[in-house]
N, C-alpha and C. Protein backbone atom coordinates (compact mmCIF):
# COMPACT_ATOMS: atom_id res chain seq x y z
N MET A 1 100.53 117.50 57.65
CA MET A 1 100.26 118.19 58.90
C MET A 1 99.51 117.29 59.87
N GLU A 2 98.59 116.49 59.37
CA GLU A 2 97.84 115.59 60.24
C GLU A 2 98.74 114.53 60.85
N ALA A 3 99.70 114.07 60.08
CA ALA A 3 100.63 113.06 60.58
C ALA A 3 101.46 113.62 61.74
N TRP A 4 101.82 114.90 61.65
CA TRP A 4 102.61 115.53 62.70
C TRP A 4 101.82 115.58 64.01
N PHE A 5 100.54 115.96 63.94
CA PHE A 5 99.70 115.98 65.13
C PHE A 5 99.50 114.58 65.71
N PHE A 6 99.37 113.60 64.83
CA PHE A 6 99.23 112.22 65.28
C PHE A 6 100.47 111.78 66.07
N TRP A 7 101.66 112.06 65.52
CA TRP A 7 102.88 111.65 66.22
C TRP A 7 103.09 112.45 67.50
N LEU A 8 102.70 113.70 67.50
CA LEU A 8 102.79 114.50 68.72
C LEU A 8 101.88 113.92 69.80
N ALA A 9 100.66 113.58 69.44
CA ALA A 9 99.73 112.97 70.40
C ALA A 9 100.26 111.62 70.88
N THR A 10 100.84 110.85 69.99
CA THR A 10 101.39 109.55 70.36
C THR A 10 102.55 109.70 71.34
N VAL A 11 103.43 110.64 71.07
CA VAL A 11 104.58 110.88 71.96
C VAL A 11 104.11 111.35 73.33
N ILE A 12 103.15 112.25 73.37
CA ILE A 12 102.63 112.74 74.65
C ILE A 12 101.97 111.59 75.42
N THR A 13 101.20 110.77 74.73
CA THR A 13 100.53 109.64 75.38
C THR A 13 101.54 108.64 75.93
N VAL A 14 102.56 108.33 75.16
CA VAL A 14 103.58 107.38 75.62
C VAL A 14 104.36 107.98 76.79
N ALA A 15 104.63 109.27 76.75
CA ALA A 15 105.34 109.92 77.86
C ALA A 15 104.52 109.82 79.14
N PHE A 16 103.21 110.08 79.05
CA PHE A 16 102.36 109.96 80.24
C PHE A 16 102.31 108.51 80.73
N LEU A 17 102.26 107.56 79.82
CA LEU A 17 102.25 106.15 80.20
C LEU A 17 103.53 105.78 80.95
N VAL A 18 104.66 106.22 80.44
CA VAL A 18 105.94 105.94 81.10
C VAL A 18 105.98 106.60 82.48
N MET A 19 105.51 107.84 82.58
CA MET A 19 105.50 108.52 83.88
C MET A 19 104.58 107.80 84.88
N MET A 20 103.45 107.31 84.41
CA MET A 20 102.53 106.59 85.30
C MET A 20 103.16 105.29 85.79
N VAL A 21 103.86 104.59 84.93
CA VAL A 21 104.54 103.36 85.33
C VAL A 21 105.62 103.67 86.37
N ILE A 22 106.39 104.71 86.14
CA ILE A 22 107.44 105.10 87.08
C ILE A 22 106.83 105.48 88.42
N LEU A 23 105.75 106.27 88.42
CA LEU A 23 105.10 106.66 89.67
C LEU A 23 104.51 105.45 90.39
N PHE A 24 103.95 104.50 89.65
CA PHE A 24 103.42 103.30 90.26
C PHE A 24 104.52 102.49 90.94
N ILE A 25 105.66 102.36 90.29
CA ILE A 25 106.78 101.63 90.88
C ILE A 25 107.27 102.34 92.14
N CYS A 26 107.39 103.67 92.08
CA CYS A 26 107.82 104.43 93.27
C CYS A 26 106.84 104.25 94.42
N GLN A 27 105.56 104.31 94.13
CA GLN A 27 104.53 104.14 95.16
C GLN A 27 104.61 102.75 95.76
N TRP A 28 104.86 101.76 94.93
CA TRP A 28 104.96 100.36 95.37
C TRP A 28 106.16 100.20 96.31
N VAL A 29 107.29 100.78 95.94
CA VAL A 29 108.50 100.69 96.77
C VAL A 29 108.25 101.37 98.12
N ILE A 30 107.66 102.57 98.10
CA ILE A 30 107.38 103.29 99.35
C ILE A 30 106.44 102.48 100.23
N TYR A 31 105.38 101.91 99.63
CA TYR A 31 104.42 101.12 100.41
C TYR A 31 105.11 99.96 101.11
N PHE A 32 105.93 99.20 100.40
CA PHE A 32 106.56 98.03 101.01
C PHE A 32 107.61 98.42 102.04
N ARG A 33 108.28 99.56 101.86
CA ARG A 33 109.23 100.02 102.88
C ARG A 33 108.50 100.43 104.16
N VAL A 34 107.36 101.12 104.01
CA VAL A 34 106.57 101.49 105.18
C VAL A 34 106.02 100.23 105.86
N GLU A 35 105.54 99.29 105.08
CA GLU A 35 105.02 98.05 105.64
C GLU A 35 106.11 97.30 106.41
N LYS A 36 107.31 97.26 105.85
CA LYS A 36 108.43 96.60 106.52
C LYS A 36 108.75 97.29 107.85
N THR A 37 108.75 98.62 107.85
CA THR A 37 109.03 99.37 109.06
C THR A 37 107.96 99.13 110.12
N VAL A 38 106.70 99.12 109.71
CA VAL A 38 105.61 98.88 110.65
C VAL A 38 105.72 97.48 111.25
N MET A 39 106.03 96.51 110.43
CA MET A 39 106.15 95.13 110.92
C MET A 39 107.33 95.00 111.89
N GLN A 40 108.43 95.70 111.62
CA GLN A 40 109.58 95.64 112.51
C GLN A 40 109.27 96.29 113.85
N ARG A 41 108.50 97.36 113.84
CA ARG A 41 108.16 98.04 115.09
C ARG A 41 107.15 97.25 115.90
N GLN A 42 106.27 96.51 115.25
CA GLN A 42 105.27 95.73 115.96
C GLN A 42 105.84 94.42 116.48
N HIS A 43 106.86 93.90 115.84
CA HIS A 43 107.40 92.59 116.21
C HIS A 43 107.94 92.55 117.64
N PRO A 44 108.78 93.50 118.08
CA PRO A 44 109.26 93.45 119.46
C PRO A 44 108.12 93.53 120.49
N ALA A 45 107.10 94.30 120.22
CA ALA A 45 105.97 94.38 121.15
C ALA A 45 105.29 93.02 121.25
N TYR A 46 105.18 92.33 120.14
CA TYR A 46 104.58 91.00 120.14
C TYR A 46 105.44 90.04 120.96
N LEU A 47 106.75 90.14 120.83
CA LEU A 47 107.63 89.26 121.59
C LEU A 47 107.51 89.54 123.09
N ARG A 48 107.43 90.82 123.45
CA ARG A 48 107.30 91.15 124.87
C ARG A 48 106.00 90.58 125.44
N GLN A 49 104.93 90.65 124.68
CA GLN A 49 103.66 90.13 125.15
C GLN A 49 103.72 88.61 125.32
N SER A 50 104.35 87.93 124.38
CA SER A 50 104.40 86.48 124.46
C SER A 50 105.32 86.04 125.60
N GLN A 51 106.40 86.78 125.84
CA GLN A 51 107.30 86.44 126.94
C GLN A 51 106.62 86.69 128.29
N ALA A 52 105.81 87.72 128.36
CA ALA A 52 105.09 88.00 129.61
C ALA A 52 104.08 86.92 129.90
N LYS A 53 103.44 86.39 128.89
CA LYS A 53 102.47 85.31 129.08
C LYS A 53 103.15 84.02 129.52
N GLU A 54 104.36 83.76 128.98
CA GLU A 54 105.10 82.56 129.37
C GLU A 54 105.57 82.66 130.81
N GLY A 55 105.87 83.87 131.29
CA GLY A 55 106.34 84.06 132.65
C GLY A 55 105.24 83.93 133.68
N ASP A 56 103.98 84.07 133.27
CA ASP A 56 102.85 84.00 134.22
C ASP A 56 102.65 82.62 134.77
């Protein structure tokens, strides 16, 4: 009976570990996609500012 509880606890622990790894990867992907979007939106504004300075 003790062995059964040990394996149950081990399976639950491993399941939580796998879920945490999956959630970490999802969070990482979302972060880099948001970062990419922010950089793309800021880039044209930077170009407009530099072109305006060159025209002065």
